[in-house]
Amino acid sequence: MWLAEHAADRLTSLSLCCTSAEMGPASGWAERAATTRRNGTRAVSKAVVERWFTPRWRAVNPQRVRNYQAMVEPTPAEGYASCCEAIETMDIASNLADIDTPTLVIAAANDPATPPEHARRIAANVLGARLEIVSPAAHLASAECPHKVNPLILSHLRASVPCSRD
């Protein structure tokens, strides 16, 4: 979104999946950064991954859940904490109306990290944006239901980016 607001000439389309233009409350991100610096990324990995997927998906895919946790755990604590601090102060909502790039906004119906209200706000403020809500899915909807998310993105790309046959 920031790139679309500040360097739109570099884009031909924009697909936004389970995201937000502002991620408050700031205190939650500051607390997560502090916990990570104090105890390492492993201390937050289980909670992070639980927010990524619906309870049903986690129950049916326990090995994949373990794989995602194993991916998060070795993330350097300082890097993860610094990302939390960047998110803590992120606010690009005020310039959403400046985006004129063809935009697809995908939300997951069961996303506790960036609930559908966040996507609705983006879509309502980006001129001509198309909003799609996939269900059942949580924050990593692209991994939980690729059969729903991928066709949406492909359709958007096909409509937004002319194919050259040269």
Protein backbone atom coordinates (compact mmCIF):
# COMPACT_ATOMS: atom_id res chain seq x y z
CA MET A 1 0.00 0.00 0.00
CA TRP A 2 2.84 2.37 0.83
CA LEU A 3 4.37 1.77 -2.59
CA ALA A 4 1.01 2.36 -4.28
CA GLU A 5 0.66 5.61 -2.33
CA HIS A 6 4.18 6.88 -3.07
CA ALA A 7 5.41 5.24 -6.29
CA ALA A 8 2.35 4.05 -8.18
CA ASP A 9 4.23 4.19 -11.47
CA ARG A 10 6.11 1.07 -10.31
CA LEU A 11 2.90 -0.98 -10.09
CA THR A 12 0.36 -2.34 -12.55
CA SER A 13 -1.88 -3.98 -9.94
CA LEU A 14 -2.11 -4.49 -6.22
CA SER A 15 -3.29 -7.61 -4.40
CA LEU A 16 -3.67 -7.20 -0.65
CA CYS A 17 -4.26 -10.32 1.40
CA CYS A 18 -5.14 -10.32 5.10
CA THR A 19 -3.55 -6.99 5.83
CA SER A 20 -4.27 -3.61 7.35
CA ALA A 21 -3.39 0.03 6.89
CA GLU A 22 -2.94 0.37 10.65
CA MET A 23 -2.49 -2.38 13.21
CA GLY A 24 -3.16 -1.01 16.69
CA PRO A 25 -3.20 -1.10 19.54
CA ALA A 26 0.42 -0.01 19.76
CA SER A 27 0.75 -1.41 23.29
CA GLY A 28 0.22 -4.98 22.06
CA TRP A 29 3.04 -4.69 19.55
CA ALA A 30 5.37 -3.07 22.09
CA GLU A 31 4.61 -5.89 24.54
CA ARG A 32 5.27 -8.56 21.90
CA ALA A 33 8.58 -6.89 20.97
CA ALA A 34 9.63 -6.78 24.63
CA THR A 35 8.65 -10.42 25.20
CA THR A 36 10.58 -11.50 22.14
CA ARG A 37 13.71 -9.58 23.14
CA ARG A 38 13.50 -10.97 26.67
CA ASN A 39 12.63 -14.61 25.87
CA GLY A 40 13.34 -15.16 22.18
CA THR A 41 10.99 -15.74 19.28
CA ARG A 42 10.14 -19.21 20.49
CA ALA A 43 8.20 -17.57 23.36
CA VAL A 44 5.65 -16.13 20.90
CA SER A 45 5.75 -18.70 18.09
CA LYS A 46 2.84 -20.84 19.27
CA ALA A 47 0.52 -17.86 19.76
CA VAL A 48 1.58 -16.38 16.44
CA VAL A 49 0.84 -19.57 14.50
CA GLU A 50 -2.47 -20.08 16.31
CA ARG A 51 -3.61 -16.70 14.94
CA TRP A 52 -2.58 -17.71 11.43
CA PHE A 53 -5.04 -20.60 11.05
CA THR A 54 -8.56 -21.53 12.11
CA PRO A 55 -8.91 -24.08 14.94
CA ARG A 56 -10.39 -26.64 12.53
CA TRP A 57 -7.49 -26.32 10.06
CA ARG A 58 -4.98 -26.65 12.90
CA ALA A 59 -6.74 -29.81 14.13
CA VAL A 60 -6.73 -31.40 10.67
CA ASN A 61 -3.14 -30.32 9.87
CA PRO A 62 -1.08 -30.75 13.07
CA GLN A 63 2.17 -31.46 11.20
CA ARG A 64 1.81 -28.35 9.06
CA VAL A 65 1.17 -26.33 12.23
CA ARG A 66 4.38 -27.74 13.72
CA ASN A 67 6.21 -26.86 10.50
CA TYR A 68 5.02 -23.25 10.65
CA GLN A 69 6.02 -23.03 14.32
CA ALA A 70 9.44 -24.47 13.45
CA MET A 71 9.73 -21.79 10.77
CA VAL A 72 8.94 -18.96 13.21
CA GLU A 73 11.03 -20.15 16.18
CA PRO A 74 14.53 -19.59 14.74
CA THR A 75 13.69 -16.06 13.58
CA PRO A 76 16.24 -13.78 15.25
CA ALA A 77 14.61 -12.11 18.24
CA GLU A 78 15.91 -8.65 17.36
CA GLY A 79 14.59 -8.90 13.81
CA TYR A 80 11.16 -10.08 14.96
CA ALA A 81 11.00 -7.43 17.70
CA SER A 82 11.99 -4.70 15.24
CA CYS A 83 9.19 -5.78 12.90
CA CYS A 84 6.76 -5.55 15.82
CA GLU A 85 7.98 -2.01 16.48
CA ALA A 86 7.51 -1.05 12.82
CA ILE A 87 3.95 -2.41 12.91
CA GLU A 88 3.36 -0.63 16.24
CA THR A 89 3.77 2.78 14.57
CA MET A 90 2.49 1.91 11.09
CA ASP A 91 -0.33 4.08 9.83
CA ILE A 92 -0.79 4.41 6.10
CA ALA A 93 -4.58 4.71 6.29
CA SER A 94 -4.69 8.46 5.76
CA ASN A 95 -3.38 8.20 2.19
CA LEU A 96 -5.44 5.24 0.96
CA ALA A 97 -7.52 7.55 -1.25
CA ASP A 98 -4.34 8.37 -3.18
CA ILE A 99 -4.12 4.79 -4.49
CA ASP A 100 -5.39 4.49 -8.05
CA THR A 101 -3.72 1.18 -8.90
CA PRO A 102 -6.22 -1.62 -9.67
CA THR A 103 -6.58 -3.20 -6.24
CA LEU A 104 -7.91 -6.50 -4.96
CA VAL A 105 -8.42 -6.71 -1.19
CA ILE A 106 -8.78 -10.21 0.25
CA ALA A 107 -9.84 -10.76 3.84
CA ALA A 108 -10.27 -13.95 5.81
CA ALA A 109 -13.57 -14.26 7.63
CA ASN A 110 -11.92 -15.72 10.75
CA ASP A 111 -8.75 -13.60 10.88
CA PRO A 112 -8.03 -12.40 14.43
CA ALA A 113 -4.90 -10.49 13.35
CA THR A 114 -6.46 -8.40 10.58
CA PRO A 115 -10.23 -8.92 10.78
CA PRO A 116 -12.42 -8.27 7.74
CA GLU A 117 -13.18 -4.77 9.05
CA HIS A 118 -9.58 -3.82 8.20
CA ALA A 119 -10.07 -4.98 4.60
CA ARG A 120 -13.42 -3.22 4.35
CA ARG A 121 -11.76 0.03 5.41
CA ILE A 122 -9.05 -0.35 2.78
CA ALA A 123 -11.51 -1.26 0.03
CA ALA A 124 -13.82 1.61 0.96
CA ASN A 125 -10.99 4.12 0.67
CA VAL A 126 -9.09 2.86 -2.39
CA LEU A 127 -10.84 4.02 -5.54
CA GLY A 128 -12.36 1.06 -7.39
CA ALA A 129 -10.95 -1.59 -5.05
CA ARG A 130 -12.61 -5.00 -5.11
CA LEU A 131 -13.17 -6.75 -1.77
CA GLU A 132 -13.37 -10.53 -1.38
CA ILE A 133 -13.81 -12.35 1.93
CA VAL A 134 -12.79 -16.01 2.04
CA SER A 135 -14.17 -18.45 4.56
CA PRO A 136 -13.31 -20.42 6.54
CA ALA A 137 -9.84 -18.96 6.89
CA ALA A 138 -7.65 -17.03 9.29
CA HIS A 139 -4.59 -14.80 8.80
CA LEU A 140 -2.67 -17.06 6.39
CA ALA A 141 -5.65 -17.57 4.11
CA SER A 142 -3.32 -18.11 1.16
CA ALA A 143 -1.95 -21.22 2.91
CA GLU A 144 -5.20 -22.33 4.52
CA CYS A 145 -7.36 -22.02 1.39
CA PRO A 146 -5.16 -21.58 -1.65
CA HIS A 147 -8.00 -23.06 -3.72
CA LYS A 148 -10.00 -19.90 -2.96
CA VAL A 149 -7.27 -17.24 -2.73
CA ASN A 150 -5.17 -18.17 -5.77
CA PRO A 151 -8.02 -17.91 -8.32
CA LEU A 152 -8.95 -14.49 -6.93
CA ILE A 153 -5.41 -13.21 -7.35
CA LEU A 154 -4.98 -14.79 -10.78
CA SER A 155 -8.25 -13.31 -12.00
CA HIS A 156 -7.23 -9.89 -10.69
CA LEU A 157 -3.83 -10.12 -12.37
CA ARG A 158 -5.36 -11.21 -15.67
CA ALA A 159 -7.75 -8.27 -15.58
CA SER A 160 -5.08 -5.75 -14.54
CA VAL A 161 -2.00 -6.75 -16.50
CA PRO A 162 -2.22 -7.11 -20.27
CA CYS A 163 -0.36 -10.12 -21.57
CA SER A 164 2.19 -9.48 -24.28
CA ARG A 165 2.41 -12.09 -27.05
CA ASP A 166 5.72 -10.81 -28.51
